[in-house]
Amino acid sequence: MGQMDFLDLEAVLSNFHQAAHDALKEFSCLAGASCKMIDYSENSTYLVEDGQGKKYILRISRPSYHKKEEIEAEIAWLNSLHEQSPIDVSLPIRADDGDYVHAHKLNDIIYYSTLFTFLEGNAPDENNEEDLIQQFETLGTITAMFHKHTIEQHEYYKDFKRMTWDYDTIVGNSPKWARWQDGLGMTPSRLALYEEASLIIKKKLEAFGKSKTRFGLIHSDLRLANLLICGDEIKVIDFDDCGFGWFLYDLATSVSFIEHMPYLDDLIASWLKGYSKIRTLTDEEIEMIPTFILMRRLQLISWIGSRDNETTRLLGENYTVQSDALVNAYLEKSRVL
């Protein structure tokens, strides 16, 4: 997720469609292939099918969010994960010229395209509580594999050109997306309440620190829409927001948009059970989970308030209103401590 700043949706999609059409020309094996947009939120994603029934995913990245070298760093991580871990990810595919990423200039705007392998599966169902809780155990294990790999490859990854997800860039003075203070449904009293929580989050994160066993290269958007369930297996897609952040932020992103659901504690317990099979978390780290979840919630309030797409229209101001209970509970516990 990230920011788009265009005049109207029709013009935006027209450029994306043209960039997709141009991108297919980079692959001689896709001559005559069909190309259908299947998702538009920040990037535009297309299902590509060749004449032999083989499927691919084509991503046209939103302009001005990543430089080419940053997308190439994402691709390097995907290839490294594929080679050195059992995690099933969608892999980038080289074009005829050997490159993974291509630039397409339309109306003085640069669009980057990348072709990926197609993975079978469906997103988890947030309304199926029993299955979701079970799936979160597997997700916890997968996430721990990500983090173990990141720690082991720390020297290799530390110089990657990727964004940093910390307090300042998530909810602080330099947010990558937008200010939560400008979210929908903000009132003076709500602003004051949320600001109090935000300052506590900042203080706790400063004390928590950024050691390499807590902070490193992460997926940073493991929400349900970026997971594919296929039998007992979970596959991970959409590494567009991968960057350097706290490992526990990955857990917070996993419960995006469902932080207020009554089964949240069960999801976290299941995730921790799966995670502990690969990595051990300290009591201090476990105690920080509510802080990361609330920080992510504030970030999503900023995203909803600054975007116009199907998801943001569905969630709207009600997502902010539902956050009041979470903020109050967090403050109450923090004041006691």
C-alpha atoms as a PDB file:
ATOM      1  CA  MET A   1       0.000   0.000   0.000  1.00  0.00           C
ATOM      2  CA  GLY A   2       1.133   3.535  -0.743  1.00  0.00           C
ATOM      3  CA  GLN A   3      -0.068   6.849  -2.075  1.00  0.00           C
ATOM      4  CA  MET A   4      -1.509   7.658  -5.506  1.00  0.00           C
ATOM      5  CA  ASP A   5      -2.153  11.213  -6.512  1.00  0.00           C
ATOM      6  CA  PHE A   6      -4.108  11.337  -9.761  1.00  0.00           C
ATOM      7  CA  LEU A   7      -7.037  13.377 -11.038  1.00  0.00           C
ATOM      8  CA  ASP A   8      -9.544  10.647 -11.874  1.00  0.00           C
ATOM      9  CA  LEU A   9      -9.800   6.874 -11.800  1.00  0.00           C
ATOM     10  CA  GLU A  10     -10.514   6.477 -15.503  1.00  0.00           C
ATOM     11  CA  ALA A  11      -7.294   8.237 -16.480  1.00  0.00           C
ATOM     12  CA  VAL A  12      -5.322   6.305 -13.875  1.00  0.00           C
ATOM     13  CA  LEU A  13      -6.544   2.926 -15.097  1.00  0.00           C
ATOM     14  CA  SER A  14      -6.016   3.883 -18.728  1.00  0.00           C
ATOM     15  CA  ASN A  15      -2.323   4.474 -18.041  1.00  0.00           C
ATOM     16  CA  PHE A  16      -2.003   1.245 -16.079  1.00  0.00           C
ATOM     17  CA  HIS A  17      -3.669  -0.723 -18.888  1.00  0.00           C
ATOM     18  CA  GLN A  18      -1.344   0.785 -21.482  1.00  0.00           C
ATOM     19  CA  ALA A  19       1.685   0.016 -19.332  1.00  0.00           C
ATOM     20  CA  ALA A  20       0.478  -3.595 -19.000  1.00  0.00           C
ATOM     21  CA  HIS A  21       0.071  -3.831 -22.768  1.00  0.00           C
ATOM     22  CA  ASP A  22       3.606  -2.508 -23.269  1.00  0.00           C
ATOM     23  CA  ALA A  23       5.010  -4.824 -20.602  1.00  0.00           C
ATOM     24  CA  LEU A  24       3.860  -7.963 -22.419  1.00  0.00           C
ATOM     25  CA  LYS A  25       5.965  -6.934 -25.415  1.00  0.00           C
ATOM     26  CA  GLU A  26       9.067  -7.628 -23.305  1.00  0.00           C
ATOM     27  CA  PHE A  27       8.218 -11.361 -23.359  1.00  0.00           C
ATOM     28  CA  SER A  28       8.189 -13.098 -26.747  1.00  0.00           C
ATOM     29  CA  CYS A  29       6.629 -16.156 -25.093  1.00  0.00           C
ATOM     30  CA  LEU A  30       3.550 -14.057 -24.287  1.00  0.00           C
ATOM     31  CA  ALA A  31       2.775 -12.943 -27.823  1.00  0.00           C
ATOM     32  CA  GLY A  32      -0.998 -13.102 -28.171  1.00  0.00           C
ATOM     33  CA  ALA A  33      -1.525 -13.731 -24.445  1.00  0.00           C
ATOM     34  CA  SER A  34      -4.642 -12.423 -22.718  1.00  0.00           C
ATOM     35  CA  CYS A  35      -4.264  -9.815 -19.994  1.00  0.00           C
ATOM     36  CA  LYS A  36      -7.048  -9.051 -17.501  1.00  0.00           C
ATOM     37  CA  MET A  37      -6.874  -6.696 -14.531  1.00  0.00           C
ATOM     38  CA  ILE A  38      -7.775  -8.593 -11.353  1.00  0.00           C
ATOM     39  CA  ASP A  39      -6.982  -6.011  -8.696  1.00  0.00           C
ATOM     40  CA  TYR A  40      -6.415  -2.298  -8.345  1.00  0.00           C
ATOM     41  CA  SER A  41      -5.642  -0.803  -4.994  1.00  0.00           C
ATOM     42  CA  GLU A  42      -2.255   0.834  -5.100  1.00  0.00           C
ATOM     43  CA  ASN A  43      -0.570  -1.148  -7.849  1.00  0.00           C
ATOM     44  CA  SER A  44      -2.516  -2.643 -10.710  1.00  0.00           C
ATOM     45  CA  THR A  45      -2.366  -6.425 -11.002  1.00  0.00           C
ATOM     46  CA  TYR A  46      -3.191  -8.472 -14.096  1.00  0.00           C
ATOM     47  CA  LEU A  47      -3.799 -12.139 -14.808  1.00  0.00           C
ATOM     48  CA  VAL A  48      -1.913 -13.122 -17.936  1.00  0.00           C
ATOM     49  CA  GLU A  49      -2.693 -16.365 -19.779  1.00  0.00           C
ATOM     50  CA  ASP A  50      -0.736 -17.629 -22.764  1.00  0.00           C
ATOM     51  CA  GLY A  51      -2.143 -19.814 -25.514  1.00  0.00           C
ATOM     52  CA  GLN A  52      -1.118 -22.971 -23.648  1.00  0.00           C
ATOM     53  CA  GLY A  53      -3.201 -22.216 -20.562  1.00  0.00           C
ATOM     54  CA  LYS A  54      -0.230 -21.165 -18.440  1.00  0.00           C
ATOM     55  CA  LYS A  55      -0.923 -18.314 -16.020  1.00  0.00           C
ATOM     56  CA  TYR A  56       1.225 -15.434 -14.797  1.00  0.00           C
ATOM     57  CA  ILE A  57       0.749 -12.348 -12.652  1.00  0.00           C
ATOM     58  CA  LEU A  58       1.788  -8.994 -14.076  1.00  0.00           C
ATOM     59  CA  ARG A  59       2.268  -6.127 -11.634  1.00  0.00           C
ATOM     60  CA  ILE A  60       2.330  -2.530 -12.765  1.00  0.00           C
ATOM     61  CA  SER A  61       3.737  -0.596  -9.830  1.00  0.00           C
ATOM     62  CA  ARG A  62       2.234   2.707  -8.811  1.00  0.00           C
ATOM     63  CA  PRO A  63       4.387   5.622  -9.920  1.00  0.00           C
ATOM     64  CA  SER A  64       6.789   7.414  -7.591  1.00  0.00           C
ATOM     65  CA  TYR A  65       6.600   4.814  -4.813  1.00  0.00           C
ATOM     66  CA  HIS A  66       9.697   2.748  -5.596  1.00  0.00           C
ATOM     67  CA  LYS A  67      12.758   3.341  -7.722  1.00  0.00           C
ATOM     68  CA  LYS A  68      13.886   0.554 -10.027  1.00  0.00           C
ATOM     69  CA  GLU A  69      16.738  -0.437  -7.708  1.00  0.00           C
ATOM     70  CA  GLU A  70      14.251  -0.797  -4.853  1.00  0.00           C
ATOM     71  CA  ILE A  71      12.068  -3.162  -6.871  1.00  0.00           C
ATOM     72  CA  GLU A  72      15.195  -5.091  -7.820  1.00  0.00           C
ATOM     73  CA  ALA A  73      16.007  -5.439  -4.101  1.00  0.00           C
ATOM     74  CA  GLU A  74      12.524  -6.882  -3.526  1.00  0.00           C
ATOM     75  CA  ILE A  75      13.183  -9.370  -6.329  1.00  0.00           C
ATOM     76  CA  ALA A  76      16.571 -10.320  -4.882  1.00  0.00           C
ATOM     77  CA  TRP A  77      14.875 -11.121  -1.566  1.00  0.00           C
ATOM     78  CA  LEU A  78      12.212 -13.221  -3.268  1.00  0.00           C
ATOM     79  CA  ASN A  79      14.853 -15.241  -5.097  1.00  0.00           C
ATOM     80  CA  SER A  80      16.875 -15.656  -1.908  1.00  0.00           C
ATOM     81  CA  LEU A  81      13.824 -16.879   0.004  1.00  0.00           C
ATOM     82  CA  HIS A  82      13.041 -19.344  -2.765  1.00  0.00           C
ATOM     83  CA  GLU A  83      16.584 -20.712  -2.774  1.00  0.00           C
ATOM     84  CA  GLN A  84      17.173 -20.846   0.969  1.00  0.00           C
ATOM     85  CA  SER A  85      13.795 -21.433   2.636  1.00  0.00           C
ATOM     86  CA  PRO A  86      10.699 -23.622   2.204  1.00  0.00           C
ATOM     87  CA  ILE A  87       8.386 -20.593   1.946  1.00  0.00           C
ATOM     88  CA  ASP A  88       6.250 -20.658  -1.204  1.00  0.00           C
ATOM     89  CA  VAL A  89       6.376 -17.225  -2.857  1.00  0.00           C
ATOM     90  CA  SER A  90       5.478 -15.862  -6.270  1.00  0.00           C
ATOM     91  CA  LEU A  91       8.731 -15.631  -8.216  1.00  0.00           C
ATOM     92  CA  PRO A  92       9.815 -12.930 -10.676  1.00  0.00           C
ATOM     93  CA  ILE A  93      10.363 -13.898 -14.303  1.00  0.00           C
ATOM     94  CA  ARG A  94      13.087 -12.491 -16.561  1.00  0.00           C
ATOM     95  CA  ALA A  95      12.054 -10.863 -19.835  1.00  0.00           C
ATOM     96  CA  ASP A  96      13.739 -11.471 -23.164  1.00  0.00           C
ATOM     97  CA  ASP A  97      16.489  -8.980 -22.322  1.00  0.00           C
ATOM     98  CA  GLY A  98      17.282 -10.727 -19.043  1.00  0.00           C
ATOM     99  CA  ASP A  99      15.835  -7.994 -16.810  1.00  0.00           C
ATOM    100  CA  TYR A 100      13.077  -8.435 -14.248  1.00  0.00           C
ATOM    101  CA  VAL A 101      11.907  -4.810 -14.136  1.00  0.00           C
ATOM    102  CA  HIS A 102      10.984  -2.571 -17.063  1.00  0.00           C
ATOM    103  CA  ALA A 103      10.068   1.086 -17.243  1.00  0.00           C
ATOM    104  CA  HIS A 104       7.170   2.382 -19.325  1.00  0.00           C
ATOM    105  CA  LYS A 105       6.763   6.131 -19.778  1.00  0.00           C
ATOM    106  CA  LEU A 106       3.218   7.373 -20.310  1.00  0.00           C
ATOM    107  CA  ASN A 107       2.273  11.043 -20.195  1.00  0.00           C
ATOM    108  CA  ASP A 108       5.620  11.817 -18.549  1.00  0.00           C
ATOM    109  CA  ILE A 109       4.933   9.279 -15.779  1.00  0.00           C
ATOM    110  CA  ILE A 110       7.135   6.208 -15.264  1.00  0.00           C
ATOM    111  CA  TYR A 111       5.409   2.873 -14.593  1.00  0.00           C
ATOM    112  CA  TYR A 112       7.489  -0.170 -13.656  1.00  0.00           C
ATOM    113  CA  SER A 113       6.341  -3.650 -14.638  1.00  0.00           C
ATOM    114  CA  THR A 114       7.292  -7.052 -13.231  1.00  0.00           C
ATOM    115  CA  LEU A 115       6.012 -10.493 -14.248  1.00  0.00           C
ATOM    116  CA  PHE A 116       5.576 -13.185 -11.579  1.00  0.00           C
ATOM    117  CA  THR A 117       4.697 -16.857 -11.434  1.00  0.00           C
ATOM    118  CA  PHE A 118       1.056 -17.612 -10.659  1.00  0.00           C
ATOM    119  CA  LEU A 119       0.190 -19.302  -7.374  1.00  0.00           C
ATOM    120  CA  GLU A 120      -3.015 -21.249  -6.799  1.00  0.00           C
ATOM    121  CA  GLY A 121      -5.082 -20.585  -3.688  1.00  0.00           C
ATOM    122  CA  ASN A 122      -7.622 -18.307  -2.062  1.00  0.00           C
ATOM    123  CA  ALA A 123      -7.322 -15.644   0.624  1.00  0.00           C
ATOM    124  CA  PRO A 124      -8.317 -16.686   4.158  1.00  0.00           C
ATOM    125  CA  ASP A 125     -11.901 -15.971   5.168  1.00  0.00           C
ATOM    126  CA  GLU A 126     -12.085 -13.567   8.124  1.00  0.00           C
ATOM    127  CA  ASN A 127     -15.629 -14.754   8.801  1.00  0.00           C
ATOM    128  CA  ASN A 128     -14.538 -18.365   9.264  1.00  0.00           C
ATOM    129  CA  GLU A 129     -13.177 -18.002  12.780  1.00  0.00           C
ATOM    130  CA  GLU A 130     -12.270 -21.652  13.347  1.00  0.00           C
ATOM    131  CA  ASP A 131     -10.274 -22.041  10.141  1.00  0.00           C
ATOM    132  CA  LEU A 132      -8.617 -18.654  10.522  1.00  0.00           C
ATOM    133  CA  ILE A 133      -7.338 -19.453  13.997  1.00  0.00           C
ATOM    134  CA  GLN A 134      -5.882 -22.704  12.717  1.00  0.00           C
ATOM    135  CA  GLN A 135      -4.329 -20.960   9.706  1.00  0.00           C
ATOM    136  CA  PHE A 136      -2.644 -18.409  11.951  1.00  0.00           C
ATOM    137  CA  GLU A 137      -0.556 -21.141  13.532  1.00  0.00           C
ATOM    138  CA  THR A 138       0.853 -21.949  10.101  1.00  0.00           C
ATOM    139  CA  LEU A 139       1.266 -18.248   9.369  1.00  0.00           C
ATOM    140  CA  GLY A 140       3.218 -17.819  12.598  1.00  0.00           C
ATOM    141  CA  THR A 141       5.611 -20.555  11.530  1.00  0.00           C
ATOM    142  CA  ILE A 142       6.058 -19.037   8.081  1.00  0.00           C
ATOM    143  CA  THR A 143       6.665 -15.590   9.549  1.00  0.00           C
ATOM    144  CA  ALA A 144       9.307 -16.991  11.882  1.00  0.00           C
ATOM    145  CA  MET A 145      11.001 -18.547   8.847  1.00  0.00           C
ATOM    146  CA  PHE A 146      11.105 -15.101   7.240  1.00  0.00           C
ATOM    147  CA  HIS A 147      12.680 -13.599  10.321  1.00  0.00           C
ATOM    148  CA  LYS A 148      15.181 -16.414  10.856  1.00  0.00           C
ATOM    149  CA  HIS A 149      16.294 -16.025   7.250  1.00  0.00           C
ATOM    150  CA  THR A 150      16.601 -12.259   7.647  1.00  0.00           C
ATOM    151  CA  ILE A 151      18.739 -12.574  10.758  1.00  0.00           C
ATOM    152  CA  GLU A 152      21.002 -15.188   9.176  1.00  0.00           C
ATOM    153  CA  GLN A 153      21.457 -12.992   6.072  1.00  0.00           C
ATOM    154  CA  HIS A 154      21.740  -9.720   7.991  1.00  0.00           C
ATOM    155  CA  GLU A 155      25.048  -8.648   6.441  1.00  0.00           C
ATOM    156  CA  TYR A 156      23.704  -9.255   2.930  1.00  0.00           C
ATOM    157  CA  TYR A 157      20.403  -7.475   3.433  1.00  0.00           C
ATOM    158  CA  LYS A 158      21.511  -4.494   5.498  1.00  0.00           C
ATOM    159  CA  ASP A 159      22.557  -2.539   2.384  1.00  0.00           C
ATOM    160  CA  PHE A 160      19.400  -3.286   0.391  1.00  0.00           C
ATOM    161  CA  LYS A 161      17.673  -0.209  -1.010  1.00  0.00           C
ATOM    162  CA  ARG A 162      14.287  -0.620   0.654  1.00  0.00           C
ATOM    163  CA  MET A 163      12.117   1.637   2.799  1.00  0.00           C
ATOM    164  CA  THR A 164      12.274   1.663   6.572  1.00  0.00           C
ATOM    165  CA  TRP A 165       9.121   1.041   8.596  1.00  0.00           C
ATOM    166  CA  ASP A 166       9.598   2.591  12.024  1.00  0.00           C
ATOM    167  CA  TYR A 167       7.592   4.890  14.257  1.00  0.00           C
ATOM    168  CA  ASP A 168       8.435   7.999  12.260  1.00  0.00           C
ATOM    169  CA  THR A 169       7.505   6.532   8.874  1.00  0.00           C
ATOM    170  CA  ILE A 170       4.413   4.671  10.093  1.00  0.00           C
ATOM    171  CA  VAL A 171       2.637   7.127  12.390  1.00  0.00           C
ATOM    172  CA  GLY A 172       5.206   9.805  13.197  1.00  0.00           C
ATOM    173  CA  ASN A 173       6.277  13.019  11.511  1.00  0.00           C
ATOM    174  CA  SER A 174       7.316  11.455   8.179  1.00  0.00           C
ATOM    175  CA  PRO A 175       4.588   8.907   7.370  1.00  0.00           C
ATOM    176  CA  LYS A 176       5.069   6.967   4.134  1.00  0.00           C
ATOM    177  CA  TRP A 177       1.350   6.924   3.450  1.00  0.00           C
ATOM    178  CA  ALA A 178      -0.434   9.780   5.196  1.00  0.00           C
ATOM    179  CA  ARG A 179      -1.133  11.243   8.631  1.00  0.00           C
ATOM    180  CA  TRP A 180      -3.507   9.326  10.868  1.00  0.00           C
ATOM    181  CA  GLN A 181      -4.585  12.720  12.204  1.00  0.00           C
ATOM    182  CA  ASP A 182      -6.234  13.316   8.818  1.00  0.00           C
ATOM    183  CA  GLY A 183      -8.197  10.071   8.936  1.00  0.00           C
ATOM    184  CA  LEU A 184     -11.949   9.859   8.580  1.00  0.00           C
ATOM    185  CA  GLY A 185     -14.093  10.617  11.618  1.00  0.00           C
ATOM    186  CA  MET A 186     -11.449  12.518  13.544  1.00  0.00           C
ATOM    187  CA  THR A 187     -12.830  14.872  16.200  1.00  0.00           C
ATOM    188  CA  PRO A 188     -10.897  17.064  18.673  1.00  0.00           C
ATOM    189  CA  SER A 189     -11.518  14.602  21.516  1.00  0.00           C
ATOM    190  CA  ARG A 190     -10.560  11.620  19.380  1.00  0.00           C
ATOM    191  CA  LEU A 191      -7.408  13.361  18.175  1.00  0.00           C
ATOM    192  CA  ALA A 192      -6.349  14.005  21.755  1.00  0.00           C
ATOM    193  CA  LEU A 193      -7.049  10.411  22.771  1.00  0.00           C
ATOM    194  CA  TYR A 194      -5.170   8.902  19.856  1.00  0.00           C
ATOM    195  CA  GLU A 195      -2.264  11.312  20.267  1.00  0.00           C
ATOM    196  CA  GLU A 196      -1.841  10.175  23.862  1.00  0.00           C
ATOM    197  CA  ALA A 197      -1.682   6.575  22.657  1.00  0.00           C
ATOM    198  CA  SER A 198       0.719   7.489  19.860  1.00  0.00           C
ATOM    199  CA  LEU A 199       3.172   9.089  22.283  1.00  0.00           C
ATOM    200  CA  ILE A 200       3.100   5.995  24.494  1.00  0.00           C
ATOM    201  CA  ILE A 201       3.789   3.835  21.415  1.00  0.00           C
ATOM    202  CA  LYS A 202       6.768   6.027  20.574  1.00  0.00           C
ATOM    203  CA  LYS A 203       8.191   5.808  24.092  1.00  0.00           C
ATOM    204  CA  LYS A 204       7.826   2.028  24.208  1.00  0.00           C
ATOM    205  CA  LEU A 205       9.442   1.541  20.801  1.00  0.00           C
ATOM    206  CA  GLU A 206      12.397   3.699  21.768  1.00  0.00           C
ATOM    207  CA  ALA A 207      12.950   1.504  24.810  1.00  0.00           C
ATOM    208  CA  PHE A 208      12.421  -1.678  22.784  1.00  0.00           C
ATOM    209  CA  GLY A 209      15.208  -0.843  20.353  1.00  0.00           C
ATOM    210  CA  LYS A 210      16.231  -2.054  16.912  1.00  0.00           C
ATOM    211  CA  SER A 211      18.667  -4.900  17.497  1.00  0.00           C
ATOM    212  CA  LYS A 212      19.096  -7.306  14.582  1.00  0.00           C
ATOM    213  CA  THR A 213      17.090  -9.954  16.458  1.00  0.00           C
ATOM    214  CA  ARG A 214      14.118  -7.576  16.558  1.00  0.00           C
ATOM    215  CA  PHE A 215      14.454  -5.369  13.500  1.00  0.00           C
ATOM    216  CA  GLY A 216      15.350  -6.326   9.941  1.00  0.00           C
ATOM    217  CA  LEU A 217      14.024  -6.996   6.459  1.00  0.00           C
ATOM    218  CA  ILE A 218      10.337  -7.964   6.737  1.00  0.00           C
ATOM    219  CA  HIS A 219       7.341  -8.487   4.464  1.00  0.00           C
ATOM    220  CA  SER A 220       5.448  -5.726   6.321  1.00  0.00           C
ATOM    221  CA  ASP A 221       2.040  -6.421   4.745  1.00  0.00           C
ATOM    222  CA  LEU A 222       1.022  -9.968   5.688  1.00  0.00           C
ATOM    223  CA  ARG A 223      -2.685  -9.110   5.766  1.00  0.00           C
ATOM    224  CA  LEU A 224      -5.184 -11.741   4.689  1.00  0.00           C
ATOM    225  CA  ALA A 225      -5.402 -10.425   1.110  1.00  0.00           C
ATOM    226  CA  ASN A 226      -1.699 -11.251   0.638  1.00  0.00           C
ATOM    227  CA  LEU A 227      -2.023 -14.869   1.719  1.00  0.00           C
ATOM    228  CA  LEU A 228      -3.185 -17.790  -0.401  1.00  0.00           C
ATOM    229  CA  ILE A 229      -4.615 -20.901   1.240  1.00  0.00           C
ATOM    230  CA  CYS A 230      -4.151 -24.101  -0.704  1.00  0.00           C
ATOM    231  CA  GLY A 231      -5.046 -27.145   1.395  1.00  0.00           C
ATOM    232  CA  ASP A 232      -2.928 -26.985   4.549  1.00  0.00           C
ATOM    233  CA  GLU A 233      -0.378 -24.732   2.860  1.00  0.00           C
ATOM    234  CA  ILE A 234      -0.126 -20.942   3.026  1.00  0.00           C
ATOM    235  CA  LYS A 235       1.573 -19.082   0.206  1.00  0.00           C
ATOM    236  CA  VAL A 236       2.714 -15.473   0.491  1.00  0.00           C
ATOM    237  CA  ILE A 237       2.334 -12.827  -2.211  1.00  0.00           C
ATOM    238  CA  ASP A 238       2.800  -9.073  -2.665  1.00  0.00           C
ATOM    239  CA  PHE A 239       6.204  -8.073  -1.307  1.00  0.00           C
ATOM    240  CA  ASP A 240       5.737  -4.542  -2.613  1.00  0.00           C
ATOM    241  CA  ASP A 241       5.957  -3.007   0.876  1.00  0.00           C
ATOM    242  CA  CYS A 242       8.826  -5.147   2.128  1.00  0.00           C
ATOM    243  CA  GLY A 243      11.393  -3.121   3.994  1.00  0.00           C
ATOM    244  CA  PHE A 244      13.241  -2.766   7.261  1.00  0.00           C
ATOM    245  CA  GLY A 245      11.058  -2.916  10.329  1.00  0.00           C
ATOM    246  CA  TRP A 246      10.380  -4.653  13.610  1.00  0.00           C
ATOM    247  CA  PHE A 247       9.676  -8.361  13.228  1.00  0.00           C
ATOM    248  CA  LEU A 248       6.564  -8.037  15.385  1.00  0.00           C
ATOM    249  CA  TYR A 249       5.193  -5.498  12.931  1.00  0.00           C
ATOM    250  CA  ASP A 250       4.650  -8.491  10.614  1.00  0.00           C
ATOM    251  CA  LEU A 251       2.243  -9.918  13.203  1.00  0.00           C
ATOM    252  CA  ALA A 252       0.438  -6.579  13.413  1.00  0.00           C
ATOM    253  CA  THR A 253      -0.005  -6.469   9.645  1.00  0.00           C
ATOM    254  CA  SER A 254      -1.447  -9.996   9.724  1.00  0.00           C
ATOM    255  CA  VAL A 255      -4.451  -8.754  11.690  1.00  0.00           C
ATOM    256  CA  SER A 256      -4.971  -5.655   9.527  1.00  0.00           C
ATOM    257  CA  PHE A 257      -8.619  -4.552   9.450  1.00  0.00           C
ATOM    258  CA  ILE A 258      -9.658  -7.255  11.960  1.00  0.00           C
ATOM    259  CA  GLU A 259      -7.910  -5.902  15.066  1.00  0.00           C
ATOM    260  CA  HIS A 260     -11.290  -5.249  16.696  1.00  0.00           C
ATOM    261  CA  MET A 261     -12.697  -8.721  16.102  1.00  0.00           C
ATOM    262  CA  PRO A 262     -13.550 -10.797  19.220  1.00  0.00           C
ATOM    263  CA  TYR A 263     -11.268 -13.639  18.123  1.00  0.00           C
ATOM    264  CA  LEU A 264      -8.123 -11.441  17.994  1.00  0.00           C
ATOM    265  CA  ASP A 265      -6.568 -12.957  21.136  1.00  0.00           C
ATOM    266  CA  ASP A 266      -7.089 -16.452  19.735  1.00  0.00           C
ATOM    267  CA  LEU A 267      -5.378 -15.445  16.486  1.00  0.00           C
ATOM    268  CA  ILE A 268      -2.386 -14.063  18.370  1.00  0.00           C
ATOM    269  CA  ALA A 269      -2.122 -17.163  20.573  1.00  0.00           C
ATOM    270  CA  SER A 270      -2.229 -19.416  17.517  1.00  0.00           C
ATOM    271  CA  TRP A 271       0.350 -17.272  15.698  1.00  0.00           C
ATOM    272  CA  LEU A 272       2.678 -17.399  18.701  1.00  0.00           C
ATOM    273  CA  LYS A 273       2.315 -21.173  18.892  1.00  0.00           C
ATOM    274  CA  GLY A 274       3.395 -21.487  15.275  1.00  0.00           C
ATOM    275  CA  TYR A 275       6.144 -18.888  15.569  1.00  0.00           C
ATOM    276  CA  SER A 276       7.699 -20.600  18.590  1.00  0.00           C
ATOM    277  CA  LYS A 277       8.364 -23.696  16.483  1.00  0.00           C
ATOM    278  CA  ILE A 278      11.120 -21.725  14.709  1.00  0.00           C
ATOM    279  CA  ARG A 279      12.031 -18.772  16.937  1.00  0.00           C
ATOM    280  CA  THR A 280      11.627 -17.978  20.616  1.00  0.00           C
ATOM    281  CA  LEU A 281      10.204 -14.630  21.666  1.00  0.00           C
ATOM    282  CA  THR A 282      11.039 -13.092  25.029  1.00  0.00           C
ATOM    283  CA  ASP A 283       8.367 -11.963  27.487  1.00  0.00           C
ATOM    284  CA  GLU A 284       9.322  -8.378  26.659  1.00  0.00           C
ATOM    285  CA  GLU A 285       8.671  -8.981  22.978  1.00  0.00           C
ATOM    286  CA  ILE A 286       5.312 -10.646  23.632  1.00  0.00           C
ATOM    287  CA  GLU A 287       4.271  -7.728  25.832  1.00  0.00           C
ATOM    288  CA  MET A 288       4.949  -5.376  22.915  1.00  0.00           C
ATOM    289  CA  ILE A 289       2.394  -7.032  20.616  1.00  0.00           C
ATOM    290  CA  PRO A 290      -0.505  -4.687  21.508  1.00  0.00           C
ATOM    291  CA  THR A 291       1.765  -1.708  20.801  1.00  0.00           C
ATOM    292  CA  PHE A 292       2.546  -2.915  17.292  1.00  0.00           C
ATOM    293  CA  ILE A 293      -1.083  -3.760  16.602  1.00  0.00           C
ATOM    294  CA  LEU A 294      -2.309  -0.330  17.646  1.00  0.00           C
ATOM    295  CA  MET A 295       0.423   1.395  15.654  1.00  0.00           C
ATOM    296  CA  ARG A 296      -0.659  -0.536  12.578  1.00  0.00           C
ATOM    297  CA  ARG A 297      -4.283   0.367  13.277  1.00  0.00           C
ATOM    298  CA  LEU A 298      -3.400   4.065  13.305  1.00  0.00           C
ATOM    299  CA  GLN A 299      -1.514   3.598  10.051  1.00  0.00           C
ATOM    300  CA  LEU A 300      -4.545   1.985   8.435  1.00  0.00           C
ATOM    301  CA  ILE A 301      -6.709   4.899   9.572  1.00  0.00           C
ATOM    302  CA  SER A 302      -4.351   7.144   7.617  1.00  0.00           C
ATOM    303  CA  TRP A 303      -4.562   4.865   4.589  1.00  0.00           C
ATOM    304  CA  ILE A 304      -8.358   4.780   4.570  1.00  0.00           C
ATOM    305  CA  GLY A 305      -8.525   8.543   4.921  1.00  0.00           C
ATOM    306  CA  SER A 306      -6.165   9.203   2.033  1.00  0.00           C
ATOM    307  CA  ARG A 307      -7.319   6.657  -0.566  1.00  0.00           C
ATOM    308  CA  ASP A 308     -10.378   6.064  -2.695  1.00  0.00           C
ATOM    309  CA  ASN A 309     -10.823   2.418  -3.608  1.00  0.00           C
ATOM    310  CA  GLU A 310     -13.255  -0.402  -2.929  1.00  0.00           C
ATOM    311  CA  THR A 311     -11.667  -1.348   0.401  1.00  0.00           C
ATOM    312  CA  THR A 312     -11.483   2.175   1.813  1.00  0.00           C
ATOM    313  CA  ARG A 313     -15.062   2.930   0.783  1.00  0.00           C
ATOM    314  CA  LEU A 314     -16.215  -0.257   2.509  1.00  0.00           C
ATOM    315  CA  LEU A 315     -14.378   0.475   5.758  1.00  0.00           C
ATOM    316  CA  GLY A 316     -14.836   4.251   5.832  1.00  0.00           C
ATOM    317  CA  GLU A 317     -15.290   6.266   9.021  1.00  0.00           C
ATOM    318  CA  ASN A 318     -16.589   3.244  10.906  1.00  0.00           C
ATOM    319  CA  TYR A 319     -13.075   1.799  11.059  1.00  0.00           C
ATOM    320  CA  THR A 320     -11.968   4.844  13.023  1.00  0.00           C
ATOM    321  CA  VAL A 321     -14.985   4.681  15.324  1.00  0.00           C
ATOM    322  CA  GLN A 322     -14.299   0.992  16.014  1.00  0.00           C
ATOM    323  CA  SER A 323     -10.740   1.947  16.971  1.00  0.00           C
ATOM    324  CA  ASP A 324     -11.884   3.884  20.029  1.00  0.00           C
ATOM    325  CA  ALA A 325     -12.304   0.747  22.113  1.00  0.00           C
ATOM    326  CA  LEU A 326      -8.812  -0.457  21.158  1.00  0.00           C
ATOM    327  CA  VAL A 327      -7.220   2.876  21.989  1.00  0.00           C
ATOM    328  CA  ASN A 328      -9.024   3.155  25.309  1.00  0.00           C
ATOM    329  CA  ALA A 329      -8.058  -0.383  26.309  1.00  0.00           C
ATOM    330  CA  TYR A 330      -4.431   0.297  25.374  1.00  0.00           C
ATOM    331  CA  LEU A 331      -4.349   3.523  27.364  1.00  0.00           C
ATOM    332  CA  GLU A 332      -6.014   1.950  30.371  1.00  0.00           C
ATOM    333  CA  LYS A 333      -3.448  -0.823  30.510  1.00  0.00           C
ATOM    334  CA  SER A 334      -0.545   1.561  29.889  1.00  0.00           C
ATOM    335  CA  ARG A 335      -1.674   3.895  32.666  1.00  0.00           C
ATOM    336  CA  VAL A 336      -1.813   0.981  35.101  1.00  0.00           C
ATOM    337  CA  LEU A 337       1.699  -0.071  34.146  1.00  0.00           C
END
